[in-house]
PDB file of all heavy atoms in Angstrom:
ATOM      1  N   LEU A   1      28.837 110.791 -52.938  1.00  0.00           N
ATOM      2  CA  LEU A   1      29.055 111.063 -54.354  1.00  0.00           C
ATOM      3  C   LEU A   1      30.455 110.628 -54.785  1.00  0.00           C
ATOM      4  O   LEU A   1      30.627 110.058 -55.863  1.00  0.00           O
ATOM      5  CB  LEU A   1      28.855 112.546 -54.643  1.00  0.00           C
ATOM      6  CG  LEU A   1      29.092 112.989 -56.078  1.00  0.00           C
ATOM      7  CD1 LEU A   1      28.130 112.281 -57.024  1.00  0.00           C
ATOM      8  CD2 LEU A   1      28.961 114.496 -56.187  1.00  0.00           C
ATOM      9  N   ALA A   2      31.449 110.863 -53.938  1.00  0.00           N
ATOM     10  CA  ALA A   2      32.812 110.433 -54.259  1.00  0.00           C
ATOM     11  C   ALA A   2      32.892 108.913 -54.356  1.00  0.00           C
ATOM     12  O   ALA A   2      33.566 108.374 -55.251  1.00  0.00           O
ATOM     13  CB  ALA A   2      33.781 110.951 -53.204  1.00  0.00           C
ATOM     14  N   LEU A   3      32.208 108.212 -53.458  1.00  0.00           N
ATOM     15  CA  LEU A   3      32.192 106.744 -53.527  1.00  0.00           C
ATOM     16  C   LEU A   3      31.488 106.256 -54.787  1.00  0.00           C
ATOM     17  O   LEU A   3      31.950 105.312 -55.442  1.00  0.00           O
ATOM     18  CB  LEU A   3      31.507 106.174 -52.285  1.00  0.00           C
ATOM     19  CG  LEU A   3      32.270 106.326 -50.979  1.00  0.00           C
ATOM     20  CD1 LEU A   3      31.396 105.907 -49.809  1.00  0.00           C
ATOM     21  CD2 LEU A   3      33.549 105.525 -51.011  1.00  0.00           C
ATOM     22  N   LEU A   4      30.389 106.903 -55.161  1.00  0.00           N
ATOM     23  CA  LEU A   4      29.674 106.531 -56.374  1.00  0.00           C
ATOM     24  C   LEU A   4      30.538 106.768 -57.607  1.00  0.00           C
ATOM     25  O   LEU A   4      30.604 105.920 -58.500  1.00  0.00           O
ATOM     26  CB  LEU A   4      28.369 107.323 -56.480  1.00  0.00           C
ATOM     27  CG  LEU A   4      27.505 107.053 -57.710  1.00  0.00           C
ATOM     28  CD1 LEU A   4      26.966 105.624 -57.679  1.00  0.00           C
ATOM     29  CD2 LEU A   4      26.372 108.064 -57.779  1.00  0.00           C
ATOM     30  N   ALA A   5      31.207 107.913 -57.645  1.00  0.00           N
ATOM     31  CA  ALA A   5      32.088 108.216 -58.774  1.00  0.00           C
ATOM     32  C   ALA A   5      33.221 107.189 -58.854  1.00  0.00           C
ATOM     33  O   ALA A   5      33.596 106.752 -59.948  1.00  0.00           O
ATOM     34  CB  ALA A   5      32.655 109.629 -58.634  1.00  0.00           C
ATOM     35  N   HIS A   6      33.751 106.795 -57.727  1.00  0.00           N
ATOM     36  CA  HIS A   6      34.810 105.780 -57.704  1.00  0.00           C
ATOM     37  C   HIS A   6      34.292 104.443 -58.219  1.00  0.00           C
ATOM     38  O   HIS A   6      34.930 103.784 -59.047  1.00  0.00           O
ATOM     39  CB  HIS A   6      35.351 105.620 -56.286  1.00  0.00           C
ATOM     40  CG  HIS A   6      36.325 104.509 -56.147  1.00  0.00           C
ATOM     41  ND1 HIS A   6      35.934 103.228 -55.809  1.00  0.00           N
ATOM     42  CD2 HIS A   6      37.654 104.471 -56.321  1.00  0.00           C
ATOM     43  CE1 HIS A   6      36.995 102.448 -55.779  1.00  0.00           C
ATOM     44  NE2 HIS A   6      38.060 103.184 -56.077  1.00  0.00           N
ATOM     45  N   ASP A   7      33.125 104.039 -57.726  1.00  0.00           N
ATOM     46  CA  ASP A   7      32.567 102.751 -58.116  1.00  0.00           C
ATOM     47  C   ASP A   7      32.207 102.692 -59.598  1.00  0.00           C
ATOM     48  O   ASP A   7      32.382 101.661 -60.243  1.00  0.00           O
ATOM     49  CB  ASP A   7      31.334 102.412 -57.274  1.00  0.00           C
ATOM     50  CG  ASP A   7      31.680 102.131 -55.820  1.00  0.00           C
ATOM     51  OD1 ASP A   7      32.879 101.957 -55.510  1.00  0.00           O
ATOM     52  OD2 ASP A   7      30.753 102.109 -54.996  1.00  0.00           O
ATOM     53  N   ARG A   8      31.723 103.793 -60.135  1.00  0.00           N
ATOM     54  CA  ARG A   8      31.353 103.817 -61.560  1.00  0.00           C
ATOM     55  C   ARG A   8      32.559 104.035 -62.467  1.00  0.00           C
ATOM     56  O   ARG A   8      32.470 103.795 -63.662  1.00  0.00           O
ATOM     57  CB  ARG A   8      30.329 104.922 -61.816  1.00  0.00           C
ATOM     58  CG  ARG A   8      28.975 104.614 -61.228  1.00  0.00           C
ATOM     59  CD  ARG A   8      27.995 105.672 -61.620  1.00  0.00           C
ATOM     60  NE  ARG A   8      26.657 105.354 -61.154  1.00  0.00           N
ATOM     61  CZ  ARG A   8      25.616 106.141 -61.326  1.00  0.00           C
ATOM     62  NH1 ARG A   8      25.743 107.294 -61.953  1.00  0.00           N
ATOM     63  NH2 ARG A   8      24.436 105.783 -60.873  1.00  0.00           N
ATOM     64  N   ALA A   9      33.641 104.544 -61.928  1.00  0.00           N
ATOM     65  CA  ALA A   9      34.880 104.815 -62.679  1.00  0.00           C
ATOM     66  C   ALA A   9      34.634 105.743 -63.868  1.00  0.00           C
ATOM     67  O   ALA A   9      35.316 105.646 -64.879  1.00  0.00           O
ATOM     68  CB  ALA A   9      35.533 103.513 -63.114  1.00  0.00           C
ATOM     69  N   GLU A  10      33.664 106.636 -63.741  1.00  0.00           N
ATOM     70  CA  GLU A  10      33.381 107.582 -64.815  1.00  0.00           C
ATOM     71  C   GLU A  10      34.238 108.838 -64.693  1.00  0.00           C
ATOM     72  O   GLU A  10      34.702 109.373 -65.689  1.00  0.00           O
ATOM     73  CB  GLU A  10      31.898 107.957 -64.811  1.00  0.00           C
ATOM     74  CG  GLU A  10      30.989 106.783 -65.146  1.00  0.00           C
ATOM     75  CD  GLU A  10      29.524 107.117 -64.981  1.00  0.00           C
ATOM     76  OE1 GLU A  10      29.200 108.217 -64.495  1.00  0.00           O
ATOM     77  OE2 GLU A  10      28.693 106.264 -65.329  1.00  0.00           O
ATOM     78  N   ILE A  11      34.364 109.331 -63.470  1.00  0.00           N
ATOM     79  CA  ILE A  11      35.228 110.479 -63.214  1.00  0.00           C
ATOM     80  C   ILE A  11      36.074 110.160 -61.994  1.00  0.00           C
ATOM     81  O   ILE A  11      35.747 109.270 -61.208  1.00  0.00           O
ATOM     82  CB  ILE A  11      34.432 111.784 -62.964  1.00  0.00           C
ATOM     83  CG1 ILE A  11      33.540 111.640 -61.735  1.00  0.00           C
ATOM     84  CG2 ILE A  11      33.636 112.161 -64.197  1.00  0.00           C
ATOM     85  CD1 ILE A  11      32.947 112.943 -61.286  1.00  0.00           C
ATOM     86  N   ARG A  12      37.151 110.883 -61.842  1.00  0.00           N
ATOM     87  CA  ARG A  12      38.039 110.672 -60.692  1.00  0.00           C
ATOM     88  C   ARG A  12      38.119 111.966 -59.888  1.00  0.00           C
ATOM     89  O   ARG A  12      38.763 112.925 -60.325  1.00  0.00           O
ATOM     90  CB  ARG A  12      39.423 110.267 -61.187  1.00  0.00           C
ATOM     91  CG  ARG A  12      40.337 109.884 -60.082  1.00  0.00           C
ATOM     92  CD  ARG A  12      41.633 109.361 -60.632  1.00  0.00           C
ATOM     93  NE  ARG A  12      42.526 109.075 -59.540  1.00  0.00           N
ATOM     94  CZ  ARG A  12      43.764 108.678 -59.695  1.00  0.00           C
ATOM     95  NH1 ARG A  12      44.251 108.523 -60.904  1.00  0.00           N
ATOM     96  NH2 ARG A  12      44.509 108.438 -58.656  1.00  0.00           N
ATOM     97  N   PRO A  13      37.474 112.007 -58.742  1.00  0.00           N
ATOM     98  CA  PRO A  13      37.550 113.214 -57.916  1.00  0.00           C
ATOM     99  C   PRO A  13      38.997 113.494 -57.508  1.00  0.00           C
ATOM    100  O   PRO A  13      39.766 112.582 -57.210  1.00  0.00           O
ATOM    101  CB  PRO A  13      36.707 112.870 -56.691  1.00  0.00           C
ATOM    102  CG  PRO A  13      35.821 111.755 -57.129  1.00  0.00           C
ATOM    103  CD  PRO A  13      36.607 110.999 -58.145  1.00  0.00           C
ATOM    104  N   THR A  14      39.363 114.755 -57.511  1.00  0.00           N
ATOM    105  CA  THR A  14      40.729 115.130 -57.149  1.00  0.00           C
ATOM    106  C   THR A  14      40.823 115.773 -55.774  1.00  0.00           C
ATOM    107  O   THR A  14      41.910 115.858 -55.216  1.00  0.00           O
ATOM    108  CB  THR A  14      41.317 116.105 -58.181  1.00  0.00           C
ATOM    109  OG1 THR A  14      40.471 117.257 -58.272  1.00  0.00           O
ATOM    110  CG2 THR A  14      41.418 115.440 -59.534  1.00  0.00           C
ATOM    111  N   PHE A  15      39.687 116.232 -55.233  1.00  0.00           N
ATOM    112  CA  PHE A  15      39.742 116.901 -53.929  1.00  0.00           C
ATOM    113  C   PHE A  15      38.374 116.823 -53.269  1.00  0.00           C
ATOM    114  O   PHE A  15      37.348 116.939 -53.927  1.00  0.00           O
ATOM    115  CB  PHE A  15      40.140 118.370 -54.103  1.00  0.00           C
ATOM    116  CG  PHE A  15      40.235 119.119 -52.802  1.00  0.00           C
ATOM    117  CD1 PHE A  15      41.332 118.959 -51.977  1.00  0.00           C
ATOM    118  CD2 PHE A  15      39.230 119.968 -52.404  1.00  0.00           C
ATOM    119  CE1 PHE A  15      41.417 119.638 -50.773  1.00  0.00           C
ATOM    120  CE2 PHE A  15      39.306 120.650 -51.200  1.00  0.00           C
ATOM    121  CZ  PHE A  15      40.408 120.482 -50.400  1.00  0.00           C
ATOM    122  N   GLN A  16      38.379 116.622 -51.963  1.00  0.00           N
ATOM    123  CA  GLN A  16      37.151 116.672 -51.181  1.00  0.00           C
ATOM    124  C   GLN A  16      37.338 117.650 -50.039  1.00  0.00           C
ATOM    125  O   GLN A  16      38.396 117.682 -49.402  1.00  0.00           O
ATOM    126  CB  GLN A  16      36.839 115.315 -50.568  1.00  0.00           C
ATOM    127  CG  GLN A  16      36.191 114.333 -51.478  1.00  0.00           C
ATOM    128  CD  GLN A  16      35.781 113.095 -50.705  1.00  0.00           C
ATOM    129  OE1 GLN A  16      36.597 112.452 -50.058  1.00  0.00           O
ATOM    130  NE2 GLN A  16      34.516 112.777 -50.761  1.00  0.00           N
ATOM    131  N   PHE A  17      36.314 118.438 -49.780  1.00  0.00           N
ATOM    132  CA  PHE A  17      36.278 119.290 -48.594  1.00  0.00           C
ATOM    133  C   PHE A  17      34.991 118.961 -47.866  1.00  0.00           C
ATOM    134  O   PHE A  17      33.923 119.442 -48.211  1.00  0.00           O
ATOM    135  CB  PHE A  17      36.329 120.775 -48.969  1.00  0.00           C
ATOM    136  CG  PHE A  17      36.320 121.671 -47.759  1.00  0.00           C
ATOM    137  CD1 PHE A  17      37.462 121.815 -46.984  1.00  0.00           C
ATOM    138  CD2 PHE A  17      35.179 122.341 -47.392  1.00  0.00           C
ATOM    139  CE1 PHE A  17      37.451 122.621 -45.855  1.00  0.00           C
ATOM    140  CE2 PHE A  17      35.162 123.149 -46.259  1.00  0.00           C
ATOM    141  CZ  PHE A  17      36.310 123.288 -45.504  1.00  0.00           C
ATOM    142  N   LEU A  18      35.107 118.090 -46.894  1.00  0.00           N
ATOM    143  CA  LEU A  18      33.937 117.648 -46.136  1.00  0.00           C
ATOM    144  C   LEU A  18      33.882 118.409 -44.823  1.00  0.00           C
ATOM    145  O   LEU A  18      34.844 118.440 -44.065  1.00  0.00           O
ATOM    146  CB  LEU A  18      34.013 116.141 -45.889  1.00  0.00           C
ATOM    147  CG  LEU A  18      34.187 115.295 -47.136  1.00  0.00           C
ATOM    148  CD1 LEU A  18      34.324 113.833 -46.775  1.00  0.00           C
ATOM    149  CD2 LEU A  18      33.067 115.516 -48.116  1.00  0.00           C
ATOM    150  N   TYR A  19      32.773 119.015 -44.567  1.00  0.00           N
ATOM    151  CA  TYR A  19      32.591 119.891 -43.408  1.00  0.00           C
ATOM    152  C   TYR A  19      31.350 119.440 -42.648  1.00  0.00           C
ATOM    153  O   TYR A  19      30.344 120.119 -42.603  1.00  0.00           O
ATOM    154  CB  TYR A  19      32.482 121.319 -43.948  1.00  0.00           C
ATOM    155  CG  TYR A  19      32.280 122.416 -42.961  1.00  0.00           C
ATOM    156  CD1 TYR A  19      33.181 122.639 -41.940  1.00  0.00           C
ATOM    157  CD2 TYR A  19      31.188 123.256 -43.074  1.00  0.00           C
ATOM    158  CE1 TYR A  19      32.988 123.670 -41.048  1.00  0.00           C
ATOM    159  CE2 TYR A  19      30.988 124.289 -42.187  1.00  0.00           C
ATOM    160  CZ  TYR A  19      31.891 124.497 -41.179  1.00  0.00           C
ATOM    161  OH  TYR A  19      31.701 125.520 -40.298  1.00  0.00           O
ATOM    162  N   PRO A  20      31.404 118.228 -42.070  1.00  0.00           N
ATOM    163  CA  PRO A  20      30.214 117.729 -41.386  1.00  0.00           C
ATOM    164  C   PRO A  20      30.072 118.315 -39.983  1.00  0.00           C
ATOM    165  O   PRO A  20      31.041 118.768 -39.389  1.00  0.00           O
ATOM    166  CB  PRO A  20      30.467 116.227 -41.313  1.00  0.00           C
ATOM    167  CG  PRO A  20      31.948 116.121 -41.235  1.00  0.00           C
ATOM    168  CD  PRO A  20      32.482 117.251 -42.083  1.00  0.00           C
ATOM    169  N   MET A  21      28.879 118.282 -39.484  1.00  0.00           N
ATOM    170  CA  MET A  21      28.628 118.661 -38.098  1.00  0.00           C
ATOM    171  C   MET A  21      28.775 117.400 -37.261  1.00  0.00           C
ATOM    172  O   MET A  21      27.947 116.501 -37.339  1.00  0.00           O
ATOM    173  CB  MET A  21      27.224 119.238 -37.960  1.00  0.00           C
ATOM    174  CG  MET A  21      26.924 119.769 -36.602  1.00  0.00           C
ATOM    175  SD  MET A  21      25.311 120.539 -36.644  1.00  0.00           S
ATOM    176  CE  MET A  21      25.255 121.241 -35.029  1.00  0.00           C
ATOM    177  N   LEU A  22      29.844 117.317 -36.501  1.00  0.00           N
ATOM    178  CA  LEU A  22      30.182 116.074 -35.820  1.00  0.00           C
ATOM    179  C   LEU A  22      29.765 116.024 -34.354  1.00  0.00           C
ATOM    180  O   LEU A  22      29.468 114.972 -33.839  1.00  0.00           O
ATOM    181  CB  LEU A  22      31.688 115.832 -35.898  1.00  0.00           C
ATOM    182  CG  LEU A  22      32.251 115.651 -37.296  1.00  0.00           C
ATOM    183  CD1 LEU A  22      33.757 115.549 -37.232  1.00  0.00           C
ATOM    184  CD2 LEU A  22      31.662 114.429 -37.950  1.00  0.00           C
ATOM    185  N   ASP A  23      29.792 117.129 -33.684  1.00  0.00           N
ATOM    186  CA  ASP A  23      29.608 117.093 -32.238  1.00  0.00           C
ATOM    187  C   ASP A  23      28.812 118.307 -31.786  1.00  0.00           C
ATOM    188  O   ASP A  23      29.284 119.429 -31.892  1.00  0.00           O
ATOM    189  CB  ASP A  23      30.969 117.067 -31.554  1.00  0.00           C
ATOM    190  CG  ASP A  23      30.879 116.796 -30.067  1.00  0.00           C
ATOM    191  OD1 ASP A  23      29.762 116.739 -29.532  1.00  0.00           O
ATOM    192  OD2 ASP A  23      31.929 116.642 -29.450  1.00  0.00           O
ATOM    193  N   ASP A  24      27.614 118.077 -31.307  1.00  0.00           N
ATOM    194  CA  ASP A  24      26.795 119.197 -30.858  1.00  0.00           C
ATOM    195  C   ASP A  24      26.962 119.497 -29.371  1.00  0.00           C
ATOM    196  O   ASP A  24      26.305 120.377 -28.845  1.00  0.00           O
ATOM    197  CB  ASP A  24      25.322 118.946 -31.174  1.00  0.00           C
ATOM    198  CG  ASP A  24      24.767 117.748 -30.423  1.00  0.00           C
ATOM    199  OD1 ASP A  24      25.550 116.989 -29.826  1.00  0.00           O
ATOM    200  OD2 ASP A  24      23.536 117.571 -30.435  1.00  0.00           O
ATOM    201  N   ARG A  25      27.859 118.769 -28.690  1.00  0.00           N
ATOM    202  CA  ARG A  25      28.034 118.999 -27.251  1.00  0.00           C
ATOM    203  C   ARG A  25      28.704 120.328 -26.954  1.00  0.00           C
ATOM    204  O   ARG A  25      28.688 120.790 -25.824  1.00  0.00           O
ATOM    205  CB  ARG A  25      28.844 117.861 -26.632  1.00  0.00           C
ATOM    206  CG  ARG A  25      28.077 116.539 -26.644  1.00  0.00           C
ATOM    207  CD  ARG A  25      28.915 115.419 -26.126  1.00  0.00           C
ATOM    208  NE  ARG A  25      30.002 115.193 -27.072  1.00  0.00           N
ATOM    209  CZ  ARG A  25      31.007 114.356 -26.873  1.00  0.00           C
ATOM    210  NH1 ARG A  25      31.082 113.669 -25.774  1.00  0.00           N
ATOM    211  NH2 ARG A  25      31.947 114.199 -27.782  1.00  0.00           N
ATOM    212  N   THR A  26      29.294 120.976 -27.954  1.00  0.00           N
ATOM    213  CA  THR A  26      29.951 122.259 -27.707  1.00  0.00           C
ATOM    214  C   THR A  26      28.956 123.404 -27.587  1.00  0.00           C
ATOM    215  O   THR A  26      29.343 124.515 -27.270  1.00  0.00           O
ATOM    216  CB  THR A  26      30.951 122.585 -28.828  1.00  0.00           C
ATOM    217  OG1 THR A  26      30.231 122.695 -30.061  1.00  0.00           O
ATOM    218  CG2 THR A  26      32.014 121.532 -28.945  1.00  0.00           C
ATOM    219  N   THR A  27      27.687 123.148 -27.841  1.00  0.00           N
ATOM    220  CA  THR A  27      26.711 124.241 -27.810  1.00  0.00           C
ATOM    221  C   THR A  27      26.521 124.834 -26.423  1.00  0.00           C
ATOM    222  O   THR A  27      26.222 126.014 -26.298  1.00  0.00           O
ATOM    223  CB  THR A  27      25.344 123.775 -28.333  1.00  0.00           C
ATOM    224  OG1 THR A  27      24.887 122.698 -27.526  1.00  0.00           O
ATOM    225  CG2 THR A  27      25.423 123.340 -29.767  1.00  0.00           C
ATOM    226  N   THR A  28      26.694 124.035 -25.389  1.00  0.00           N
ATOM    227  CA  THR A  28      26.466 124.530 -24.036  1.00  0.00           C
ATOM    228  C   THR A  28      27.743 124.756 -23.252  1.00  0.00           C
ATOM    229  O   THR A  28      27.690 125.248 -22.128  1.00  0.00           O
ATOM    230  CB  THR A  28      25.571 123.546 -23.255  1.00  0.00           C
ATOM    231  OG1 THR A  28      26.198 122.268 -23.243  1.00  0.00           O
ATOM    232  CG2 THR A  28      24.198 123.431 -23.891  1.00  0.00           C
ATOM    233  N   ARG A  29      28.887 124.420 -23.823  1.00  0.00           N
ATOM    234  CA  ARG A  29      30.148 124.586 -23.088  1.00  0.00           C
ATOM    235  C   ARG A  29      30.610 126.031 -23.140  1.00  0.00           C
ATOM    236  O   ARG A  29      30.544 126.688 -24.172  1.00  0.00           O
ATOM    237  CB  ARG A  29      31.223 123.683 -23.682  1.00  0.00           C
ATOM    238  CG  ARG A  29      30.955 122.233 -23.384  1.00  0.00           C
ATOM    239  CD  ARG A  29      32.021 121.347 -23.901  1.00  0.00           C
ATOM    240  NE  ARG A  29      33.310 121.657 -23.290  1.00  0.00           N
ATOM    241  CZ  ARG A  29      34.429 121.045 -23.626  1.00  0.00           C
ATOM    242  NH1 ARG A  29      34.432 120.117 -24.546  1.00  0.00           N
ATOM    243  NH2 ARG A  29      35.571 121.361 -23.048  1.00  0.00           N
ATOM    244  N   THR A  30      31.086 126.519 -22.014  1.00  0.00           N
ATOM    245  CA  THR A  30      31.592 127.890 -21.949  1.00  0.00           C
ATOM    246  C   THR A  30      33.093 127.930 -21.736  1.00  0.00           C
ATOM    247  O   THR A  30      33.675 129.001 -21.715  1.00  0.00           O
ATOM    248  CB  THR A  30      30.901 128.653 -20.808  1.00  0.00           C
ATOM    249  OG1 THR A  30      31.130 127.951 -19.575  1.00  0.00           O
ATOM    250  CG2 THR A  30      29.411 128.762 -21.048  1.00  0.00           C
ATOM    251  N   ASP A  31      33.725 126.758 -21.586  1.00  0.00           N
ATOM    252  CA  ASP A  31      35.148 126.718 -21.283  1.00  0.00           C
ATOM    253  C   ASP A  31      36.019 126.594 -22.534  1.00  0.00           C
ATOM    254  O   ASP A  31      37.233 126.483 -22.436  1.00  0.00           O
ATOM    255  CB  ASP A  31      35.448 125.539 -20.347  1.00  0.00           C
ATOM    256  CG  ASP A  31      35.100 124.202 -20.971  1.00  0.00           C
ATOM    257  OD1 ASP A  31      34.106 124.142 -21.707  1.00  0.00           O
ATOM    258  OD2 ASP A  31      35.826 123.231 -20.715  1.00  0.00           O
ATOM    259  N   LEU A  32      35.452 126.641 -23.724  1.00  0.00           N
ATOM    260  CA  LEU A  32      36.227 126.453 -24.943  1.00  0.00           C
ATOM    261  C   LEU A  32      36.852 127.760 -25.410  1.00  0.00           C
ATOM    262  O   LEU A  32      36.212 128.808 -25.409  1.00  0.00           O
ATOM    263  CB  LEU A  32      35.331 125.899 -26.056  1.00  0.00           C
ATOM    264  CG  LEU A  32      34.737 124.533 -25.790  1.00  0.00           C
ATOM    265  CD1 LEU A  32      33.773 124.154 -26.906  1.00  0.00           C
ATOM    266  CD2 LEU A  32      35.828 123.492 -25.681  1.00  0.00           C
ATOM    267  N   ASP A  33      38.105 127.685 -25.820  1.00  0.00           N
ATOM    268  CA  ASP A  33      38.782 128.832 -26.403  1.00  0.00           C
ATOM    269  C   ASP A  33      38.498 128.826 -27.906  1.00  0.00           C
ATOM    270  O   ASP A  33      39.039 128.019 -28.645  1.00  0.00           O
ATOM    271  CB  ASP A  33      40.287 128.737 -26.141  1.00  0.00           C
ATOM    272  CG  ASP A  33      41.055 129.879 -26.772  1.00  0.00           C
ATOM    273  OD1 ASP A  33      40.431 130.890 -27.144  1.00  0.00           O
ATOM    274  OD2 ASP A  33      42.285 129.766 -26.898  1.00  0.00           O
ATOM    275  N   THR A  34      37.631 129.712 -28.343  1.00  0.00           N
ATOM    276  CA  THR A  34      37.226 129.712 -29.748  1.00  0.00           C
ATOM    277  C   THR A  34      37.992 130.725 -30.595  1.00  0.00           C
ATOM    278  O   THR A  34      37.662 130.925 -31.756  1.00  0.00           O
ATOM    279  CB  THR A  34      35.719 129.997 -29.863  1.00  0.00           C
ATOM    280  OG1 THR A  34      35.442 131.260 -29.251  1.00  0.00           O
ATOM    281  CG2 THR A  34      34.900 128.910 -29.200  1.00  0.00           C
ATOM    282  N   LEU A  35      39.009 131.352 -30.048  1.00  0.00           N
ATOM    283  CA  LEU A  35      39.761 132.325 -30.828  1.00  0.00           C
ATOM    284  C   LEU A  35      40.525 131.677 -31.980  1.00  0.00           C
ATOM    285  O   LEU A  35      40.738 132.301 -33.010  1.00  0.00           O
ATOM    286  CB  LEU A  35      40.743 133.092 -29.924  1.00  0.00           C
ATOM    287  CG  LEU A  35      40.090 133.987 -28.864  1.00  0.00           C
ATOM    288  CD1 LEU A  35      41.166 134.612 -27.985  1.00  0.00           C
ATOM    289  CD2 LEU A  35      39.254 135.067 -29.543  1.00  0.00           C
ATOM    290  N   LYS A  36      40.934 130.434 -31.814  1.00  0.00           N
ATOM    291  CA  LYS A  36      41.703 129.765 -32.853  1.00  0.00           C
ATOM    292  C   LYS A  36      40.884 128.726 -33.628  1.00  0.00           C
ATOM    293  O   LYS A  36      41.426 127.994 -34.433  1.00  0.00           O
ATOM    294  CB  LYS A  36      42.929 129.089 -32.238  1.00  0.00           C
ATOM    295  CG  LYS A  36      43.901 130.079 -31.624  1.00  0.00           C
ATOM    296  CD  LYS A  36      45.095 129.392 -31.041  1.00  0.00           C
ATOM    297  CE  LYS A  36      46.015 130.421 -30.400  1.00  0.00           C
ATOM    298  NZ  LYS A  36      47.167 129.806 -29.776  1.00  0.00           N
ATOM    299  N   VAL A  37      39.583 128.703 -33.399  1.00  0.00           N
ATOM    300  CA  VAL A  37      38.720 127.773 -34.113  1.00  0.00           C
ATOM    301  C   VAL A  37      38.475 128.326 -35.512  1.00  0.00           C
ATOM    302  O   VAL A  37      38.072 129.473 -35.669  1.00  0.00           O
ATOM    303  CB  VAL A  37      37.381 127.575 -33.373  1.00  0.00           C
ATOM    304  CG1 VAL A  37      36.427 126.720 -34.188  1.00  0.00           C
ATOM    305  CG2 VAL A  37      37.630 126.941 -32.023  1.00  0.00           C
ATOM    306  N   ARG A  38      38.718 127.492 -36.531  1.00  0.00           N
ATOM    307  CA  ARG A  38      38.570 127.967 -37.905  1.00  0.00           C
ATOM    308  C   ARG A  38      37.272 127.526 -38.560  1.00  0.00           C
ATOM    309  O   ARG A  38      36.803 128.158 -39.481  1.00  0.00           O
ATOM    310  CB  ARG A  38      39.730 127.446 -38.752  1.00  0.00           C
ATOM    311  CG  ARG A  38      41.044 128.004 -38.346  1.00  0.00           C
ATOM    312  CD  ARG A  38      42.110 127.525 -39.264  1.00  0.00           C
ATOM    313  NE  ARG A  38      43.397 128.043 -38.828  1.00  0.00           N
ATOM    314  CZ  ARG A  38      44.470 128.017 -39.561  1.00  0.00           C
ATOM    315  NH1 ARG A  38      44.434 127.479 -40.751  1.00  0.00           N
ATOM    316  NH2 ARG A  38      45.592 128.509 -39.109  1.00  0.00           N
TER     317      ARG A  38
END
């Protein structure tokens, strides 16, 4: 949507918060310290 808005030059987005799911390999790991994961 941000790329479309840029290409059409109708509105100018001022902020994006993208929260994609990037890596599913952490589902089975038990060695991760998740206390500081936000």
